[in-house]
């Protein structure tokens, strides 16, 4: 059973002409390791930001353990349930 799910998720940055992530659906199961790969500019970092709750989808929804991220205390979610290591953190 999946612990984290994206359902038809899209994200468009303010003042952008097109979506950085468009209509993505995927499931992540607890205990597995996943890799997100793609060329530069394909939306990998944006997708990770959506999974971590740093941004919320402009369309669709991200669901953690049955609850939409839009309804969660995101500080608590990031503190207790998910981690992200940035490539450059300065």
C-alpha atoms as a PDB file:
ATOM      1  CA  UNK A   1       0.000   0.000   0.000  1.00  0.00           C
ATOM      2  CA  UNK A   2       1.323   3.457  -0.852  1.00  0.00           C
ATOM      3  CA  UNK A   3       2.288   5.939   1.858  1.00  0.00           C
ATOM      4  CA  UNK A   4       2.639   8.918  -0.508  1.00  0.00           C
ATOM      5  CA  UNK A   5       0.604   9.450  -3.674  1.00  0.00           C
ATOM      6  CA  UNK A   6       0.354  12.134  -6.330  1.00  0.00           C
ATOM      7  CA  UNK A   7      -2.983  12.251  -8.124  1.00  0.00           C
ATOM      8  CA  UNK A   8      -3.043  14.159 -11.439  1.00  0.00           C
ATOM      9  CA  UNK A   9      -0.670  16.767 -10.006  1.00  0.00           C
ATOM     10  CA  UNK A  10       0.334  19.853 -11.951  1.00  0.00           C
ATOM     11  CA  UNK A  11       2.298  22.860 -10.774  1.00  0.00           C
ATOM     12  CA  UNK A  12       2.760  26.195 -12.508  1.00  0.00           C
ATOM     13  CA  UNK A  13       5.053  28.859 -11.081  1.00  0.00           C
ATOM     14  CA  UNK A  14       3.652  32.378 -10.820  1.00  0.00           C
ATOM     15  CA  UNK A  15       4.156  34.333 -14.051  1.00  0.00           C
ATOM     16  CA  UNK A  16       5.139  31.134 -15.917  1.00  0.00           C
ATOM     17  CA  UNK A  17       3.733  30.403 -19.353  1.00  0.00           C
ATOM     18  CA  UNK A  18       3.547  26.630 -18.857  1.00  0.00           C
ATOM     19  CA  UNK A  19       3.447  24.052 -16.090  1.00  0.00           C
ATOM     20  CA  UNK A  20       6.723  22.862 -14.566  1.00  0.00           C
ATOM     21  CA  UNK A  21       4.972  19.577 -13.675  1.00  0.00           C
ATOM     22  CA  UNK A  22       1.954  18.450 -15.648  1.00  0.00           C
ATOM     23  CA  UNK A  23      -0.597  15.763 -14.763  1.00  0.00           C
ATOM     24  CA  UNK A  24       1.696  13.471 -12.740  1.00  0.00           C
ATOM     25  CA  UNK A  25       0.269  10.470 -10.929  1.00  0.00           C
ATOM     26  CA  UNK A  26       2.491   8.107  -8.955  1.00  0.00           C
ATOM     27  CA  UNK A  27       2.640   6.111  -5.741  1.00  0.00           C
ATOM     28  CA  UNK A  28       5.469   5.588  -3.286  1.00  0.00           C
ATOM     29  CA  UNK A  29       5.452   2.588  -0.969  1.00  0.00           C
ATOM     30  CA  UNK A  30       7.075   2.610   2.444  1.00  0.00           C
ATOM     31  CA  UNK A  31      10.425   0.781   2.591  1.00  0.00           C
ATOM     32  CA  UNK A  32      11.275   1.187  -1.098  1.00  0.00           C
ATOM     33  CA  UNK A  33      13.889   3.438  -2.683  1.00  0.00           C
ATOM     34  CA  UNK A  34      12.918   5.538  -5.707  1.00  0.00           C
ATOM     35  CA  UNK A  35      14.890   7.631  -8.180  1.00  0.00           C
ATOM     36  CA  UNK A  36      13.493  10.590 -10.091  1.00  0.00           C
ATOM     37  CA  UNK A  37      15.491  11.094 -13.265  1.00  0.00           C
ATOM     38  CA  UNK A  38      15.216  13.322 -16.302  1.00  0.00           C
ATOM     39  CA  UNK A  39      16.974  16.034 -18.260  1.00  0.00           C
ATOM     40  CA  UNK A  40      17.696  19.490 -16.919  1.00  0.00           C
ATOM     41  CA  UNK A  41      14.525  21.560 -16.683  1.00  0.00           C
ATOM     42  CA  UNK A  42      12.159  18.587 -16.759  1.00  0.00           C
ATOM     43  CA  UNK A  43      10.580  19.332 -13.339  1.00  0.00           C
ATOM     44  CA  UNK A  44      12.481  16.945 -11.042  1.00  0.00           C
ATOM     45  CA  UNK A  45      13.201  19.542  -8.333  1.00  0.00           C
ATOM     46  CA  UNK A  46       9.655  20.892  -8.560  1.00  0.00           C
ATOM     47  CA  UNK A  47       8.301  17.363  -8.153  1.00  0.00           C
ATOM     48  CA  UNK A  48      10.481  16.834  -5.060  1.00  0.00           C
ATOM     49  CA  UNK A  49       9.267  20.151  -3.623  1.00  0.00           C
ATOM     50  CA  UNK A  50       5.685  18.966  -4.086  1.00  0.00           C
ATOM     51  CA  UNK A  51       6.415  15.626  -2.411  1.00  0.00           C
ATOM     52  CA  UNK A  52       8.090  17.396   0.517  1.00  0.00           C
ATOM     53  CA  UNK A  53       5.246  19.865   0.941  1.00  0.00           C
ATOM     54  CA  UNK A  54       7.457  22.854   0.171  1.00  0.00           C
ATOM     55  CA  UNK A  55       4.938  23.743  -2.544  1.00  0.00           C
ATOM     56  CA  UNK A  56       1.363  22.567  -3.046  1.00  0.00           C
ATOM     57  CA  UNK A  57       0.008  21.509  -6.447  1.00  0.00           C
ATOM     58  CA  UNK A  58      -1.860  24.081  -8.506  1.00  0.00           C
ATOM     59  CA  UNK A  59      -3.977  21.135  -9.727  1.00  0.00           C
ATOM     60  CA  UNK A  60      -4.523  17.628  -8.394  1.00  0.00           C
ATOM     61  CA  UNK A  61      -3.456  16.531  -4.952  1.00  0.00           C
ATOM     62  CA  UNK A  62      -0.614  15.034  -2.970  1.00  0.00           C
ATOM     63  CA  UNK A  63      -1.706  12.528  -0.324  1.00  0.00           C
ATOM     64  CA  UNK A  64       0.330  11.249   2.631  1.00  0.00           C
ATOM     65  CA  UNK A  65      -0.991   8.294   4.621  1.00  0.00           C
ATOM     66  CA  UNK A  66      -4.545   8.995   3.423  1.00  0.00           C
ATOM     67  CA  UNK A  67      -4.563  12.769   4.064  1.00  0.00           C
ATOM     68  CA  UNK A  68      -4.114  15.519   1.501  1.00  0.00           C
ATOM     69  CA  UNK A  69      -0.980  17.587   2.119  1.00  0.00           C
ATOM     70  CA  UNK A  70      -3.208  20.647   1.757  1.00  0.00           C
ATOM     71  CA  UNK A  71      -4.926  19.627   5.013  1.00  0.00           C
ATOM     72  CA  UNK A  72      -1.809  18.699   7.016  1.00  0.00           C
ATOM     73  CA  UNK A  73       0.387  20.743   9.308  1.00  0.00           C
ATOM     74  CA  UNK A  74       3.251  20.901   6.803  1.00  0.00           C
ATOM     75  CA  UNK A  75       5.886  21.863   9.385  1.00  0.00           C
ATOM     76  CA  UNK A  76       5.030  18.713  11.344  1.00  0.00           C
ATOM     77  CA  UNK A  77       4.902  16.623   8.130  1.00  0.00           C
ATOM     78  CA  UNK A  78       8.403  17.770   7.155  1.00  0.00           C
ATOM     79  CA  UNK A  79       9.740  17.381  10.690  1.00  0.00           C
ATOM     80  CA  UNK A  80       8.343  13.910  11.366  1.00  0.00           C
ATOM     81  CA  UNK A  81       7.555  12.155   8.091  1.00  0.00           C
ATOM     82  CA  UNK A  82       9.679  13.233   5.146  1.00  0.00           C
ATOM     83  CA  UNK A  83      13.210  14.433   4.452  1.00  0.00           C
ATOM     84  CA  UNK A  84      14.889  16.177   1.584  1.00  0.00           C
ATOM     85  CA  UNK A  85      18.588  16.695   1.000  1.00  0.00           C
ATOM     86  CA  UNK A  86      19.291  19.692  -1.221  1.00  0.00           C
ATOM     87  CA  UNK A  87      22.019  19.616  -3.847  1.00  0.00           C
ATOM     88  CA  UNK A  88      23.057  23.156  -2.878  1.00  0.00           C
ATOM     89  CA  UNK A  89      21.901  24.360   0.519  1.00  0.00           C
ATOM     90  CA  UNK A  90      23.513  27.783   0.930  1.00  0.00           C
END
